[in-house]
Amino acid sequence: MPTKPNFRDQTLTMENPIDTPRLPRKRRSLAQELVTVLTEQIRDGLLKRGDKLPTESAIMQEHGVSRTVVREAISRLQAAGQVETRHGIGTFVLDTPSPSGFRIDPATVVTLRDVLAILELRISLEVESAGLAAQRRSSEQLATMRAALDALNDSVAHASDAVASDFAFHLEIALSTGNRYFTDIMTHLGTSIIPRTRLNSARLAHDDQQHYMNRLSREHEEIYEAIARQDSDAARAAMRLHLTNSRERLRQAHEEAQAQRG
């Protein structure tokens, strides 16, 4: 059995995110190192098709990394088509890695410009996703969205947990469309679609963190309520407002950063 390295996680921080828009490499490299280890185990047959991966806690303990790093690594494995997560059950190996296919490497989303580009992609994708989810969602799927929002509201003080719950909410909307391609793209991008995993969004927006999170919570609730009412037009409008607000906050920060460097 190959040796499994023990990584030491470091919290993602940005002392001056406007003057230094690139992410620190450390956490990104930790996630990629964990992806490499798990990929090798799949290739070597130590983890076979249909096998269930260890729990997040077990992976954290074995490799000495944080929950955020584990979740980012799992998101990348999902994006590569190597594993799938079945909600409430666990994450399972799908197959050996394929060298070909559509790729957007979340590890390359490293600047404000990159995050803005991803937000533009999300607007084109998730506005219609919300509309379809309002038409097609089941009561069970609505309950899962509610649980994700409740978890998000409970964990606003903890960035990693908040990001995971935020992504779970958006992913469940994609699942509720009944269209696997919406889900595939969202799963492929993983938690990197949430700007807070890339940048200190509240600080860039010159906003108090609690006020910023409260505003995001209200935007999410409006999306949820429209989907609950099965109002497709309202769901599209609420999703567009939510993502456009995020884009505009970061766009202004990007322009300020350019002006400061200019």
C-alpha atoms as a PDB file:
ATOM      1  CA  MET A   1       0.000   0.000   0.000  1.00  0.00           C
ATOM      2  CA  PRO A   2       1.429   3.432  -0.944  1.00  0.00           C
ATOM      3  CA  THR A   3       2.453   5.732   1.908  1.00  0.00           C
ATOM      4  CA  LYS A   4      -0.187   8.286   2.705  1.00  0.00           C
ATOM      5  CA  PRO A   5       1.313  11.686   3.418  1.00  0.00           C
ATOM      6  CA  ASN A   6       0.184  13.656   6.440  1.00  0.00           C
ATOM      7  CA  PHE A   7      -0.603  17.227   5.450  1.00  0.00           C
ATOM      8  CA  ARG A   8      -0.706  20.194   7.800  1.00  0.00           C
ATOM      9  CA  ASP A   9      -3.641  22.426   6.919  1.00  0.00           C
ATOM     10  CA  GLN A  10      -3.454  26.180   7.072  1.00  0.00           C
ATOM     11  CA  THR A  11      -6.471  28.477   7.164  1.00  0.00           C
ATOM     12  CA  LEU A  12      -7.057  30.467   3.993  1.00  0.00           C
ATOM     13  CA  THR A  13      -6.300  34.112   4.745  1.00  0.00           C
ATOM     14  CA  MET A  14      -5.726  37.172   2.627  1.00  0.00           C
ATOM     15  CA  GLU A  15      -4.021  40.053   4.404  1.00  0.00           C
ATOM     16  CA  ASN A  16      -4.829  42.420   1.553  1.00  0.00           C
ATOM     17  CA  PRO A  17      -7.121  40.734  -0.999  1.00  0.00           C
ATOM     18  CA  ILE A  18      -7.446  43.817  -3.205  1.00  0.00           C
ATOM     19  CA  ASP A  19      -3.723  44.488  -3.547  1.00  0.00           C
ATOM     20  CA  THR A  20      -2.980  40.756  -3.747  1.00  0.00           C
ATOM     21  CA  PRO A  21      -5.847  39.155  -5.671  1.00  0.00           C
ATOM     22  CA  ARG A  22      -4.188  35.749  -6.019  1.00  0.00           C
ATOM     23  CA  LEU A  23      -4.946  33.062  -3.483  1.00  0.00           C
ATOM     24  CA  PRO A  24      -2.261  31.667  -1.225  1.00  0.00           C
ATOM     25  CA  ARG A  25      -1.117  28.407  -2.778  1.00  0.00           C
ATOM     26  CA  LYS A  26      -1.027  26.378   0.429  1.00  0.00           C
ATOM     27  CA  ARG A  27      -4.648  25.269   0.833  1.00  0.00           C
ATOM     28  CA  ARG A  28      -5.069  24.742  -2.892  1.00  0.00           C
ATOM     29  CA  SER A  29      -1.970  22.504  -2.915  1.00  0.00           C
ATOM     30  CA  LEU A  30      -3.229  20.573   0.138  1.00  0.00           C
ATOM     31  CA  ALA A  31      -6.497  19.785  -1.624  1.00  0.00           C
ATOM     32  CA  GLN A  32      -4.623  18.776  -4.777  1.00  0.00           C
ATOM     33  CA  GLU A  33      -2.240  16.552  -2.801  1.00  0.00           C
ATOM     34  CA  LEU A  34      -5.221  14.795  -1.236  1.00  0.00           C
ATOM     35  CA  VAL A  35      -6.807  14.390  -4.686  1.00  0.00           C
ATOM     36  CA  THR A  36      -3.543  12.842  -5.912  1.00  0.00           C
ATOM     37  CA  VAL A  37      -3.429  10.358  -3.018  1.00  0.00           C
ATOM     38  CA  LEU A  38      -7.065   9.265  -3.487  1.00  0.00           C
ATOM     39  CA  THR A  39      -6.652   9.081  -7.278  1.00  0.00           C
ATOM     40  CA  GLU A  40      -3.622   6.806  -6.864  1.00  0.00           C
ATOM     41  CA  GLN A  41      -5.607   4.559  -4.524  1.00  0.00           C
ATOM     42  CA  ILE A  42      -8.332   4.274  -7.166  1.00  0.00           C
ATOM     43  CA  ARG A  43      -5.812   3.592  -9.944  1.00  0.00           C
ATOM     44  CA  ASP A  44      -3.991   1.005  -7.823  1.00  0.00           C
ATOM     45  CA  GLY A  45      -7.246  -0.794  -7.019  1.00  0.00           C
ATOM     46  CA  LEU A  46      -7.067  -0.036  -3.293  1.00  0.00           C
ATOM     47  CA  LEU A  47     -10.370   1.752  -3.803  1.00  0.00           C
ATOM     48  CA  LYS A  48     -12.508  -0.112  -6.337  1.00  0.00           C
ATOM     49  CA  ARG A  49     -15.625   0.837  -8.270  1.00  0.00           C
ATOM     50  CA  GLY A  50     -18.560   0.856  -5.848  1.00  0.00           C
ATOM     51  CA  ASP A  51     -16.382   1.220  -2.744  1.00  0.00           C
ATOM     52  CA  LYS A  52     -17.464   3.811  -0.228  1.00  0.00           C
ATOM     53  CA  LEU A  53     -14.836   6.397   0.708  1.00  0.00           C
ATOM     54  CA  PRO A  54     -14.012   6.873   4.399  1.00  0.00           C
ATOM     55  CA  THR A  55     -16.003   9.565   6.191  1.00  0.00           C
ATOM     56  CA  GLU A  56     -14.848  13.187   6.112  1.00  0.00           C
ATOM     57  CA  SER A  57     -13.746  12.869   9.734  1.00  0.00           C
ATOM     58  CA  ALA A  58     -11.721   9.728   8.996  1.00  0.00           C
ATOM     59  CA  ILE A  59      -9.972  11.389   6.027  1.00  0.00           C
ATOM     60  CA  MET A  60      -9.293  14.491   8.142  1.00  0.00           C
ATOM     61  CA  GLN A  61      -7.709  12.391  10.875  1.00  0.00           C
ATOM     62  CA  GLU A  62      -5.715  10.158   8.521  1.00  0.00           C
ATOM     63  CA  HIS A  63      -4.222  12.970   6.456  1.00  0.00           C
ATOM     64  CA  GLY A  64      -4.148  15.784   9.017  1.00  0.00           C
ATOM     65  CA  VAL A  65      -6.230  18.240   6.989  1.00  0.00           C
ATOM     66  CA  SER A  66      -9.310  20.353   7.655  1.00  0.00           C
ATOM     67  CA  ARG A  67     -12.869  19.610   6.610  1.00  0.00           C
ATOM     68  CA  THR A  68     -12.609  22.391   4.001  1.00  0.00           C
ATOM     69  CA  VAL A  69      -9.654  20.674   2.319  1.00  0.00           C
ATOM     70  CA  VAL A  70     -11.435  17.296   2.334  1.00  0.00           C
ATOM     71  CA  ARG A  71     -14.583  18.785   0.790  1.00  0.00           C
ATOM     72  CA  GLU A  72     -12.626  20.622  -1.879  1.00  0.00           C
ATOM     73  CA  ALA A  73     -10.744  17.428  -2.759  1.00  0.00           C
ATOM     74  CA  ILE A  74     -13.990  15.441  -2.963  1.00  0.00           C
ATOM     75  CA  SER A  75     -15.478  18.149  -5.201  1.00  0.00           C
ATOM     76  CA  ARG A  76     -12.507  17.804  -7.563  1.00  0.00           C
ATOM     77  CA  LEU A  77     -12.862  14.013  -7.629  1.00  0.00           C
ATOM     78  CA  GLN A  78     -16.560  14.454  -8.430  1.00  0.00           C
ATOM     79  CA  ALA A  79     -15.668  16.893 -11.197  1.00  0.00           C
ATOM     80  CA  ALA A  80     -13.267  14.316 -12.654  1.00  0.00           C
ATOM     81  CA  GLY A  81     -16.007  11.673 -12.629  1.00  0.00           C
ATOM     82  CA  GLN A  82     -14.134   9.454 -10.184  1.00  0.00           C
ATOM     83  CA  VAL A  83     -16.638   9.542  -7.320  1.00  0.00           C
ATOM     84  CA  GLU A  84     -20.237  10.480  -6.628  1.00  0.00           C
ATOM     85  CA  THR A  85     -21.802  11.634  -3.380  1.00  0.00           C
ATOM     86  CA  ARG A  86     -25.180  10.166  -2.462  1.00  0.00           C
ATOM     87  CA  HIS A  87     -26.783  12.492   0.041  1.00  0.00           C
ATOM     88  CA  GLY A  88     -27.209  10.938   3.441  1.00  0.00           C
ATOM     89  CA  ILE A  89     -25.292   7.797   2.419  1.00  0.00           C
ATOM     90  CA  GLY A  90     -21.730   8.711   1.507  1.00  0.00           C
ATOM     91  CA  THR A  91     -19.272   9.110  -1.366  1.00  0.00           C
ATOM     92  CA  PHE A  92     -18.621   6.169  -3.702  1.00  0.00           C
ATOM     93  CA  VAL A  93     -15.970   5.356  -6.303  1.00  0.00           C
ATOM     94  CA  LEU A  94     -17.336   5.459  -9.845  1.00  0.00           C
ATOM     95  CA  ASP A  95     -14.421   4.450 -12.032  1.00  0.00           C
ATOM     96  CA  THR A  96     -10.765   4.960 -12.856  1.00  0.00           C
ATOM     97  CA  PRO A  97      -9.897   8.499 -13.981  1.00  0.00           C
ATOM     98  CA  SER A  98     -10.536   9.363 -17.611  1.00  0.00           C
ATOM     99  CA  PRO A  99      -7.869  11.456 -19.364  1.00  0.00           C
ATOM    100  CA  SER A 100     -10.371  13.142 -21.672  1.00  0.00           C
ATOM    101  CA  GLY A 101     -13.560  15.154 -21.370  1.00  0.00           C
ATOM    102  CA  PHE A 102     -14.784  18.634 -20.534  1.00  0.00           C
ATOM    103  CA  ARG A 103     -12.629  20.316 -17.903  1.00  0.00           C
ATOM    104  CA  ILE A 104     -12.749  23.509 -15.898  1.00  0.00           C
ATOM    105  CA  ASP A 105     -10.105  23.034 -13.240  1.00  0.00           C
ATOM    106  CA  PRO A 106     -11.361  24.740 -10.068  1.00  0.00           C
ATOM    107  CA  ALA A 107      -7.723  25.164  -9.004  1.00  0.00           C
ATOM    108  CA  THR A 108      -7.272  27.730 -11.806  1.00  0.00           C
ATOM    109  CA  VAL A 109      -9.947  30.053 -10.376  1.00  0.00           C
ATOM    110  CA  VAL A 110      -7.456  32.249  -8.540  1.00  0.00           C
ATOM    111  CA  THR A 111      -8.113  35.928  -9.283  1.00  0.00           C
ATOM    112  CA  LEU A 112     -10.986  38.379  -9.010  1.00  0.00           C
ATOM    113  CA  ARG A 113     -11.323  38.249 -12.799  1.00  0.00           C
ATOM    114  CA  ASP A 114     -11.618  34.439 -12.660  1.00  0.00           C
ATOM    115  CA  VAL A 115     -14.297  34.594  -9.959  1.00  0.00           C
ATOM    116  CA  LEU A 116     -16.259  37.160 -11.988  1.00  0.00           C
ATOM    117  CA  ALA A 117     -16.084  34.890 -15.030  1.00  0.00           C
ATOM    118  CA  ILE A 118     -17.436  31.965 -12.995  1.00  0.00           C
ATOM    119  CA  LEU A 119     -20.264  34.179 -11.701  1.00  0.00           C
ATOM    120  CA  GLU A 120     -21.203  35.041 -15.296  1.00  0.00           C
ATOM    121  CA  LEU A 121     -21.337  31.326 -16.081  1.00  0.00           C
ATOM    122  CA  ARG A 122     -23.458  30.719 -12.974  1.00  0.00           C
ATOM    123  CA  ILE A 123     -25.941  33.450 -13.933  1.00  0.00           C
ATOM    124  CA  SER A 124     -26.523  31.831 -17.334  1.00  0.00           C
ATOM    125  CA  LEU A 125     -26.836  28.394 -15.727  1.00  0.00           C
ATOM    126  CA  GLU A 126     -28.542  28.843 -12.361  1.00  0.00           C
ATOM    127  CA  VAL A 127     -31.252  31.336 -13.307  1.00  0.00           C
ATOM    128  CA  GLU A 128     -32.887  28.733 -15.547  1.00  0.00           C
ATOM    129  CA  SER A 129     -32.021  25.990 -13.065  1.00  0.00           C
ATOM    130  CA  ALA A 130     -34.049  27.812 -10.383  1.00  0.00           C
ATOM    131  CA  GLY A 131     -36.995  28.205 -12.743  1.00  0.00           C
ATOM    132  CA  LEU A 132     -37.016  24.514 -13.627  1.00  0.00           C
ATOM    133  CA  ALA A 133     -36.550  23.510  -9.984  1.00  0.00           C
ATOM    134  CA  ALA A 134     -39.655  25.517  -9.068  1.00  0.00           C
ATOM    135  CA  GLN A 135     -41.643  23.530 -11.632  1.00  0.00           C
ATOM    136  CA  ARG A 136     -40.210  20.092 -10.933  1.00  0.00           C
ATOM    137  CA  ARG A 137     -38.976  19.883  -7.333  1.00  0.00           C
ATOM    138  CA  SER A 138     -40.345  17.194  -5.060  1.00  0.00           C
ATOM    139  CA  SER A 139     -41.329  17.762  -1.450  1.00  0.00           C
ATOM    140  CA  GLU A 140     -38.242  15.753  -0.407  1.00  0.00           C
ATOM    141  CA  GLN A 141     -35.971  17.967  -2.495  1.00  0.00           C
ATOM    142  CA  LEU A 142     -37.578  21.079  -1.024  1.00  0.00           C
ATOM    143  CA  ALA A 143     -36.941  19.681   2.464  1.00  0.00           C
ATOM    144  CA  THR A 144     -33.264  19.132   1.548  1.00  0.00           C
ATOM    145  CA  MET A 145     -32.995  22.759   0.380  1.00  0.00           C
ATOM    146  CA  ARG A 146     -34.535  23.873   3.671  1.00  0.00           C
ATOM    147  CA  ALA A 147     -32.043  21.770   5.643  1.00  0.00           C
ATOM    148  CA  ALA A 148     -29.129  23.268   3.684  1.00  0.00           C
ATOM    149  CA  LEU A 149     -30.362  26.796   4.393  1.00  0.00           C
ATOM    150  CA  ASP A 150     -30.865  26.015   8.076  1.00  0.00           C
ATOM    151  CA  ALA A 151     -27.313  24.644   8.250  1.00  0.00           C
ATOM    152  CA  LEU A 152     -26.050  27.755   6.451  1.00  0.00           C
ATOM    153  CA  ASN A 153     -27.840  30.058   8.881  1.00  0.00           C
ATOM    154  CA  ASP A 154     -26.438  28.096  11.830  1.00  0.00           C
ATOM    155  CA  SER A 155     -22.867  28.214  10.585  1.00  0.00           C
ATOM    156  CA  VAL A 156     -22.398  31.770   9.324  1.00  0.00           C
ATOM    157  CA  ALA A 157     -19.650  32.241  11.875  1.00  0.00           C
ATOM    158  CA  HIS A 158     -17.640  29.328  10.419  1.00  0.00           C
ATOM    159  CA  ALA A 159     -16.548  30.010   6.840  1.00  0.00           C
ATOM    160  CA  SER A 160     -15.868  26.398   5.807  1.00  0.00           C
ATOM    161  CA  ASP A 161     -19.188  25.060   7.077  1.00  0.00           C
ATOM    162  CA  ALA A 162     -21.066  28.019   5.607  1.00  0.00           C
ATOM    163  CA  VAL A 163     -19.482  27.450   2.203  1.00  0.00           C
ATOM    164  CA  ALA A 164     -20.391  23.749   2.204  1.00  0.00           C
ATOM    165  CA  SER A 165     -24.028  24.500   3.124  1.00  0.00           C
ATOM    166  CA  ASP A 166     -24.194  27.291   0.543  1.00  0.00           C
ATOM    167  CA  PHE A 167     -22.989  24.905  -2.160  1.00  0.00           C
ATOM    168  CA  ALA A 168     -25.380  22.157  -0.962  1.00  0.00           C
ATOM    169  CA  PHE A 169     -28.311  24.559  -1.413  1.00  0.00           C
ATOM    170  CA  HIS A 170     -27.325  25.485  -4.972  1.00  0.00           C
ATOM    171  CA  LEU A 171     -26.553  21.860  -5.855  1.00  0.00           C
ATOM    172  CA  GLU A 172     -29.965  20.709  -4.610  1.00  0.00           C
ATOM    173  CA  ILE A 173     -31.618  23.280  -6.876  1.00  0.00           C
ATOM    174  CA  ALA A 174     -29.697  21.793  -9.816  1.00  0.00           C
ATOM    175  CA  LEU A 175     -30.738  18.267  -8.756  1.00  0.00           C
ATOM    176  CA  SER A 176     -34.367  19.408  -8.567  1.00  0.00           C
ATOM    177  CA  THR A 177     -34.384  20.327 -12.260  1.00  0.00           C
ATOM    178  CA  GLY A 178     -34.339  16.616 -13.120  1.00  0.00           C
ATOM    179  CA  ASN A 179     -31.760  17.482 -15.784  1.00  0.00           C
ATOM    180  CA  ARG A 180     -28.490  15.680 -15.099  1.00  0.00           C
ATOM    181  CA  TYR A 181     -26.444  18.199 -17.087  1.00  0.00           C
ATOM    182  CA  PHE A 182     -27.240  21.023 -14.673  1.00  0.00           C
ATOM    183  CA  THR A 183     -26.131  18.747 -11.845  1.00  0.00           C
ATOM    184  CA  ASP A 184     -23.005  17.593 -13.695  1.00  0.00           C
ATOM    185  CA  ILE A 185     -21.745  21.144 -14.255  1.00  0.00           C
ATOM    186  CA  MET A 186     -22.478  22.212 -10.678  1.00  0.00           C
ATOM    187  CA  THR A 187     -20.790  19.099  -9.279  1.00  0.00           C
ATOM    188  CA  HIS A 188     -17.847  19.630 -11.608  1.00  0.00           C
ATOM    189  CA  LEU A 189     -17.275  23.163 -10.328  1.00  0.00           C
ATOM    190  CA  GLY A 190     -17.795  22.131  -6.699  1.00  0.00           C
ATOM    191  CA  THR A 191     -17.461  24.590  -3.835  1.00  0.00           C
ATOM    192  CA  SER A 192     -15.150  26.772  -5.943  1.00  0.00           C
ATOM    193  CA  ILE A 193     -18.312  28.441  -7.313  1.00  0.00           C
ATOM    194  CA  ILE A 194     -18.832  30.072  -3.910  1.00  0.00           C
ATOM    195  CA  PRO A 195     -16.765  33.301  -3.986  1.00  0.00           C
ATOM    196  CA  ARG A 196     -15.983  33.080  -0.250  1.00  0.00           C
ATOM    197  CA  THR A 197     -13.787  30.040  -0.963  1.00  0.00           C
ATOM    198  CA  ARG A 198     -11.653  32.224  -3.216  1.00  0.00           C
ATOM    199  CA  LEU A 199     -11.789  35.696  -1.713  1.00  0.00           C
ATOM    200  CA  ASN A 200     -12.816  37.524   1.427  1.00  0.00           C
ATOM    201  CA  SER A 201     -16.015  38.777  -0.226  1.00  0.00           C
ATOM    202  CA  ALA A 202     -17.258  40.830   2.718  1.00  0.00           C
ATOM    203  CA  ARG A 203     -13.977  42.713   2.978  1.00  0.00           C
ATOM    204  CA  LEU A 204     -13.840  43.331  -0.762  1.00  0.00           C
ATOM    205  CA  ALA A 205     -17.368  44.737  -0.605  1.00  0.00           C
ATOM    206  CA  HIS A 206     -16.341  47.013   2.302  1.00  0.00           C
ATOM    207  CA  ASP A 207     -19.030  45.356   4.398  1.00  0.00           C
ATOM    208  CA  ASP A 208     -19.291  44.005   7.924  1.00  0.00           C
ATOM    209  CA  GLN A 209     -19.066  40.188   7.806  1.00  0.00           C
ATOM    210  CA  GLN A 210     -22.276  39.628   9.775  1.00  0.00           C
ATOM    211  CA  HIS A 211     -24.204  42.173   7.699  1.00  0.00           C
ATOM    212  CA  TYR A 212     -22.845  40.608   4.515  1.00  0.00           C
ATOM    213  CA  MET A 213     -23.909  37.100   5.593  1.00  0.00           C
ATOM    214  CA  ASN A 214     -27.355  38.349   6.655  1.00  0.00           C
ATOM    215  CA  ARG A 215     -27.880  39.852   3.219  1.00  0.00           C
ATOM    216  CA  LEU A 216     -26.835  36.598   1.543  1.00  0.00           C
ATOM    217  CA  SER A 217     -29.235  34.732   3.820  1.00  0.00           C
ATOM    218  CA  ARG A 218     -32.143  36.959   2.747  1.00  0.00           C
ATOM    219  CA  GLU A 219     -31.295  36.409  -0.917  1.00  0.00           C
ATOM    220  CA  HIS A 220     -31.219  32.634  -0.412  1.00  0.00           C
ATOM    221  CA  GLU A 221     -34.545  32.712   1.444  1.00  0.00           C
ATOM    222  CA  GLU A 222     -36.187  34.555  -1.455  1.00  0.00           C
ATOM    223  CA  ILE A 223     -34.970  31.875  -3.865  1.00  0.00           C
ATOM    224  CA  TYR A 224     -36.219  29.123  -1.559  1.00  0.00           C
ATOM    225  CA  GLU A 225     -39.641  30.718  -1.013  1.00  0.00           C
ATOM    226  CA  ALA A 226     -40.206  31.116  -4.763  1.00  0.00           C
ATOM    227  CA  ILE A 227     -39.274  27.464  -5.367  1.00  0.00           C
ATOM    228  CA  ALA A 228     -41.525  26.409  -2.462  1.00  0.00           C
ATOM    229  CA  ARG A 229     -44.451  28.304  -4.085  1.00  0.00           C
ATOM    230  CA  GLN A 230     -43.520  26.717  -7.437  1.00  0.00           C
ATOM    231  CA  ASP A 231     -43.321  30.205  -8.924  1.00  0.00           C
ATOM    232  CA  SER A 232     -40.827  29.787 -11.771  1.00  0.00           C
ATOM    233  CA  ASP A 233     -40.633  33.457 -12.752  1.00  0.00           C
ATOM    234  CA  ALA A 234     -40.042  34.570  -9.154  1.00  0.00           C
ATOM    235  CA  ALA A 235     -37.415  31.833  -8.678  1.00  0.00           C
ATOM    236  CA  ARG A 236     -35.532  32.984 -11.785  1.00  0.00           C
ATOM    237  CA  ALA A 237     -35.736  36.624 -10.681  1.00  0.00           C
ATOM    238  CA  ALA A 238     -34.537  35.830  -7.136  1.00  0.00           C
ATOM    239  CA  MET A 239     -31.613  33.752  -8.409  1.00  0.00           C
ATOM    240  CA  ARG A 240     -30.646  36.426 -10.939  1.00  0.00           C
ATOM    241  CA  LEU A 241     -30.734  39.103  -8.232  1.00  0.00           C
ATOM    242  CA  HIS A 242     -28.628  36.970  -5.869  1.00  0.00           C
ATOM    243  CA  LEU A 243     -25.900  36.197  -8.410  1.00  0.00           C
ATOM    244  CA  THR A 244     -25.940  39.660  -9.988  1.00  0.00           C
ATOM    245  CA  ASN A 245     -25.488  41.256  -6.561  1.00  0.00           C
ATOM    246  CA  SER A 246     -22.468  39.018  -5.939  1.00  0.00           C
ATOM    247  CA  ARG A 247     -21.046  39.872  -9.349  1.00  0.00           C
ATOM    248  CA  GLU A 248     -21.519  43.619  -8.888  1.00  0.00           C
ATOM    249  CA  ARG A 249     -19.910  43.640  -5.447  1.00  0.00           C
ATOM    250  CA  LEU A 250     -16.848  41.865  -6.793  1.00  0.00           C
ATOM    251  CA  ARG A 251     -16.793  43.847 -10.045  1.00  0.00           C
ATOM    252  CA  GLN A 252     -16.567  47.091  -8.073  1.00  0.00           C
ATOM    253  CA  ALA A 253     -13.761  45.628  -5.974  1.00  0.00           C
ATOM    254  CA  HIS A 254     -11.956  44.544  -9.152  1.00  0.00           C
ATOM    255  CA  GLU A 255     -12.232  48.055 -10.618  1.00  0.00           C
ATOM    256  CA  GLU A 256     -10.933  49.565  -7.365  1.00  0.00           C
ATOM    257  CA  ALA A 257      -7.982  47.168  -7.408  1.00  0.00           C
ATOM    258  CA  GLN A 258      -7.200  48.100 -11.028  1.00  0.00           C
ATOM    259  CA  ALA A 259      -7.391  51.817 -10.189  1.00  0.00           C
ATOM    260  CA  GLN A 260      -5.046  51.384  -7.211  1.00  0.00           C
ATOM    261  CA  ARG A 261      -2.493  49.577  -9.375  1.00  0.00           C
ATOM    262  CA  GLY A 262      -2.971  52.044 -12.243  1.00  0.00           C
END
